[in-house]
N, C-alpha and C. Protein backbone atom coordinates (compact mmCIF):
# COMPACT_ATOMS: atom_id res chain seq x y z
N MET A 1 80.75 103.53 107.64
CA MET A 1 81.76 102.82 107.23
C MET A 1 83.25 103.11 107.62
N GLU A 2 83.47 104.33 108.00
CA GLU A 2 84.86 104.83 108.43
C GLU A 2 85.49 104.15 109.56
N ASN A 3 84.44 103.83 110.51
CA ASN A 3 84.82 103.30 111.87
C ASN A 3 84.89 101.64 111.62
N GLU A 4 84.77 101.27 110.63
CA GLU A 4 84.79 99.75 110.35
C GLU A 4 86.21 99.12 110.59
N LYS A 5 85.91 98.04 111.67
CA LYS A 5 87.18 97.34 112.19
C LYS A 5 87.72 96.25 111.27
N SER A 6 88.85 95.84 111.58
CA SER A 6 89.32 94.66 110.99
C SER A 6 90.16 93.90 111.92
N ASP A 7 89.92 92.71 112.36
CA ASP A 7 90.49 91.74 113.16
C ASP A 7 91.20 90.58 112.46
N LEU A 8 92.32 89.98 113.00
CA LEU A 8 92.72 88.94 112.61
C LEU A 8 92.88 88.01 113.77
N THR A 9 92.63 86.46 113.61
CA THR A 9 92.72 85.56 114.52
C THR A 9 93.42 84.42 113.64
N MET A 10 94.55 83.92 114.53
CA MET A 10 95.45 83.06 113.75
C MET A 10 95.62 81.79 114.81
N LEU A 11 95.38 80.61 114.39
CA LEU A 11 95.44 79.35 115.07
C LEU A 11 96.68 78.80 114.65
N ASN A 12 97.90 78.41 115.58
CA ASN A 12 99.08 77.67 115.10
C ASN A 12 99.39 78.09 113.62
N ARG A 13 99.44 79.05 113.25
CA ARG A 13 99.94 79.47 111.75
C ARG A 13 99.32 78.67 110.66
N ARG A 14 98.15 77.83 111.00
CA ARG A 14 97.43 76.98 110.07
C ARG A 14 96.08 77.43 109.58
N GLN A 15 95.28 78.39 110.63
CA GLN A 15 94.01 78.85 110.30
C GLN A 15 94.10 80.15 110.60
N LEU A 16 93.69 81.10 109.60
CA LEU A 16 93.68 82.58 109.68
C LEU A 16 92.24 83.16 109.41
N THR A 17 91.64 83.86 110.42
CA THR A 17 90.32 84.41 110.28
C THR A 17 90.44 86.01 110.01
N VAL A 18 90.05 86.43 109.13
CA VAL A 18 90.17 87.98 109.07
C VAL A 18 88.76 88.58 108.74
N THR A 19 88.59 89.50 109.40
CA THR A 19 87.15 90.52 109.55
C THR A 19 87.47 91.87 108.86
N GLY A 20 86.50 92.48 108.43
CA GLY A 20 86.50 93.86 107.78
C GLY A 20 87.28 93.58 106.16
N VAL A 21 86.99 92.42 105.69
CA VAL A 21 87.52 92.42 104.20
C VAL A 21 86.48 92.85 103.30
N LYS A 22 87.06 93.56 102.33
CA LYS A 22 86.08 94.33 101.57
C LYS A 22 86.16 93.53 100.07
N LYS A 23 87.36 92.82 99.80
CA LYS A 23 87.55 92.20 98.42
C LYS A 23 88.64 91.23 98.66
N ILE A 24 88.58 90.35 98.15
CA ILE A 24 89.90 89.18 97.74
C ILE A 24 90.50 89.57 96.34
N LYS A 25 91.55 90.23 96.62
CA LYS A 25 92.19 90.88 95.26
C LYS A 25 92.96 89.92 94.49
N SER A 26 93.57 88.75 95.19
CA SER A 26 94.10 87.33 94.69
C SER A 26 94.22 86.47 95.53
N SER A 27 94.39 85.07 95.12
CA SER A 27 94.58 83.93 95.82
C SER A 27 95.17 82.96 94.91
N ALA A 28 96.45 82.54 95.61
CA ALA A 28 97.38 81.67 95.08
C ALA A 28 97.82 80.87 96.31
N PRO A 29 98.51 79.50 96.08
CA PRO A 29 98.90 78.80 97.08
C PRO A 29 99.82 79.41 98.10
N GLU A 30 100.73 80.25 97.62
CA GLU A 30 101.90 81.05 98.13
C GLU A 30 101.49 82.33 98.41
N GLN A 31 100.44 83.11 97.97
CA GLN A 31 100.00 84.23 98.51
C GLN A 31 98.63 84.66 98.37
N ILE A 32 97.94 85.38 99.33
CA ILE A 32 96.56 85.86 99.28
C ILE A 32 96.56 87.33 99.59
N VAL A 33 96.12 87.96 98.44
CA VAL A 33 95.78 89.49 98.76
C VAL A 33 94.42 89.99 99.14
N LEU A 34 94.32 90.55 100.53
CA LEU A 34 92.83 91.18 100.77
C LEU A 34 92.91 92.62 100.82
N VAL A 35 91.66 93.01 100.47
CA VAL A 35 91.56 94.62 100.55
C VAL A 35 90.76 94.81 101.65
N LEU A 36 91.37 95.42 102.81
CA LEU A 36 90.65 96.00 103.94
C LEU A 36 89.94 97.26 103.77
N GLN A 37 89.42 98.04 104.85
CA GLN A 37 88.99 99.27 104.75
C GLN A 37 89.92 100.18 104.11
N ASN A 38 90.79 100.53 104.72
CA ASN A 38 92.07 101.51 104.34
C ASN A 38 93.23 101.03 103.75
N VAL A 39 93.46 99.69 103.97
CA VAL A 39 94.97 99.09 103.57
C VAL A 39 94.57 97.79 102.90
N GLY A 40 95.76 97.40 102.44
CA GLY A 40 95.92 95.78 102.01
C GLY A 40 96.63 94.80 102.94
N LEU A 41 96.06 93.71 102.74
CA LEU A 41 96.79 92.87 103.52
C LEU A 41 97.34 91.40 102.56
N VAL A 42 98.49 91.42 102.73
CA VAL A 42 99.15 90.38 101.89
C VAL A 42 99.62 89.14 102.90
N ILE A 43 99.04 88.03 102.67
CA ILE A 43 99.23 87.03 103.38
C ILE A 43 100.25 85.94 102.62
N ASN A 44 101.57 85.57 103.11
CA ASN A 44 102.47 84.72 102.28
C ASN A 44 102.63 83.43 103.14
N GLY A 45 102.51 82.40 102.41
CA GLY A 45 102.65 81.19 103.04
C GLY A 45 102.87 79.91 102.06
N SER A 46 102.31 78.88 102.41
CA SER A 46 102.40 77.64 101.61
C SER A 46 101.25 77.00 101.77
N ASP A 47 100.64 76.31 100.71
CA ASP A 47 99.40 75.58 100.60
C ASP A 47 98.00 76.56 101.15
N LEU A 48 98.16 77.66 100.90
CA LEU A 48 97.07 78.62 101.46
C LEU A 48 95.81 78.40 100.36
N PHE A 49 94.74 78.69 100.97
CA PHE A 49 93.54 78.59 100.28
C PHE A 49 92.21 79.20 101.14
N VAL A 50 91.50 79.94 100.62
CA VAL A 50 90.45 80.63 101.06
C VAL A 50 89.27 79.62 101.25
N GLU A 51 88.94 79.08 102.67
CA GLU A 51 88.31 78.24 103.14
C GLU A 51 86.98 78.60 102.85
N SER A 52 86.58 79.85 103.45
CA SER A 52 85.31 80.41 103.25
C SER A 52 85.40 81.91 103.39
N ALA A 53 84.29 82.84 102.66
CA ALA A 53 84.20 84.06 102.53
C ALA A 53 82.91 84.57 102.43
N SER A 54 82.56 85.68 103.20
CA SER A 54 81.29 86.03 103.44
C SER A 54 81.55 87.70 103.08
N ILE A 55 80.69 88.03 101.96
CA ILE A 55 80.53 89.38 101.38
C ILE A 55 79.82 90.28 102.58
N GLN A 56 78.66 89.73 103.19
CA GLN A 56 77.88 90.31 103.90
C GLN A 56 78.54 90.48 105.21
N THR A 57 79.31 89.73 105.72
CA THR A 57 80.01 89.97 107.28
C THR A 57 81.46 90.60 106.91
N GLY A 58 82.19 90.15 105.91
CA GLY A 58 83.25 90.91 105.56
C GLY A 58 84.39 89.77 106.04
N GLU A 59 84.12 88.51 106.35
CA GLU A 59 84.88 87.70 107.18
C GLU A 59 85.32 86.42 106.18
N VAL A 60 86.66 86.30 106.15
CA VAL A 60 87.48 85.52 105.19
C VAL A 60 88.17 84.65 106.07
N SER A 61 88.01 82.96 105.87
CA SER A 61 88.92 82.12 106.68
C SER A 61 89.79 81.66 105.70
N ILE A 62 91.18 81.66 106.19
CA ILE A 62 92.13 81.10 105.27
C ILE A 62 92.88 79.90 105.97
N VAL A 63 93.15 78.66 105.11
CA VAL A 63 93.93 77.52 105.63
C VAL A 63 94.90 77.39 104.89
N GLY A 64 95.98 77.05 105.74
CA GLY A 64 97.46 76.69 105.13
C GLY A 64 98.44 77.27 106.12
N LEU A 65 99.82 77.10 105.64
CA LEU A 65 100.93 77.65 106.63
C LEU A 65 101.19 78.97 106.30
N VAL A 66 100.95 79.97 107.18
CA VAL A 66 101.00 81.14 107.25
C VAL A 66 102.51 81.28 107.64
N LYS A 67 103.22 82.25 106.68
CA LYS A 67 104.63 82.50 107.03
C LYS A 67 104.82 84.04 107.22
N ALA A 68 104.06 84.43 106.77
CA ALA A 68 104.27 86.27 106.89
C ALA A 68 102.82 86.96 106.72
N LEU A 69 102.60 88.11 107.41
CA LEU A 69 101.39 88.69 107.34
C LEU A 69 102.17 90.54 106.92
N ARG A 70 101.66 91.16 106.24
CA ARG A 70 102.19 92.39 105.53
C ARG A 70 101.12 93.36 105.37
N TYR A 71 100.90 94.61 105.78
CA TYR A 71 99.82 95.33 105.37
C TYR A 71 100.51 96.41 104.48
N THR A 72 99.83 96.71 103.50
CA THR A 72 100.34 97.69 102.44
C THR A 72 99.30 98.97 102.59
N GLY A 73 100.05 100.05 102.18
CA GLY A 73 99.15 101.24 102.22
C GLY A 73 98.51 101.56 100.85
N VAL A 74 98.61 100.90 99.88
CA VAL A 74 97.98 100.80 98.55
C VAL A 74 96.90 99.99 98.32
N THR A 75 95.65 100.68 98.25
CA THR A 75 94.43 99.46 98.00
C THR A 75 93.70 100.23 96.68
N ASP A 76 94.09 101.47 96.12
CA ASP A 76 93.31 101.88 95.05
C ASP A 76 94.16 102.01 94.01
N LYS A 77 93.67 101.50 92.57
CA LYS A 77 94.45 101.33 91.48
C LYS A 77 94.95 102.43 91.03
N ARG A 78 94.23 103.82 91.34
CA ARG A 78 94.74 105.16 90.88
C ARG A 78 96.08 105.47 91.34
N LYS A 79 96.25 104.94 92.83
CA LYS A 79 97.22 105.41 93.32
C LYS A 79 98.62 104.58 92.82
N PHE A 80 98.35 103.50 92.55
CA PHE A 80 99.78 102.55 92.04
C PHE A 80 99.18 101.72 91.01
N SER A 81 100.45 101.47 90.00
CA SER A 81 100.35 100.76 88.82
C SER A 81 101.49 99.78 88.95
N PHE A 82 101.13 98.57 88.80
CA PHE A 82 102.42 97.67 88.29
C PHE A 82 103.18 98.07 87.41
N LYS A 83 102.40 98.56 86.21
CA LYS A 83 103.16 99.02 85.04
C LYS A 83 104.38 100.15 85.57
N SER A 84 104.13 100.88 86.00
CA SER A 84 105.06 101.94 86.61
C SER A 84 106.19 101.40 87.34
N MET A 85 105.90 100.31 87.90
CA MET A 85 106.65 99.74 88.98
C MET A 85 107.82 98.95 88.04
N PHE A 86 107.50 98.63 86.94
CA PHE A 86 108.39 97.78 86.16
C PHE A 86 109.13 98.38 85.07
N ARG A 87 109.05 99.84 84.94
CA ARG A 87 109.53 100.50 83.92
C ARG A 87 110.99 100.74 83.95
């Protein structure tokens, strides 16, 4: 599992396929948060929704207008808490 890769494929900012996904942390029309092997991936946009997801293959397909992709180094709840951020 340490060598597991993650790939992103985007078509015209309207279709995004991500491989190597461990978990869909949250999904909303403006933001989808995915957990990959060692990082998080935040997808911002409009009218976003998860079209398909496979736990077996780790592939997630997202449709909607993608405006930004951002990797985060925080994927473990023990490392970060939203409570501490808003104190």
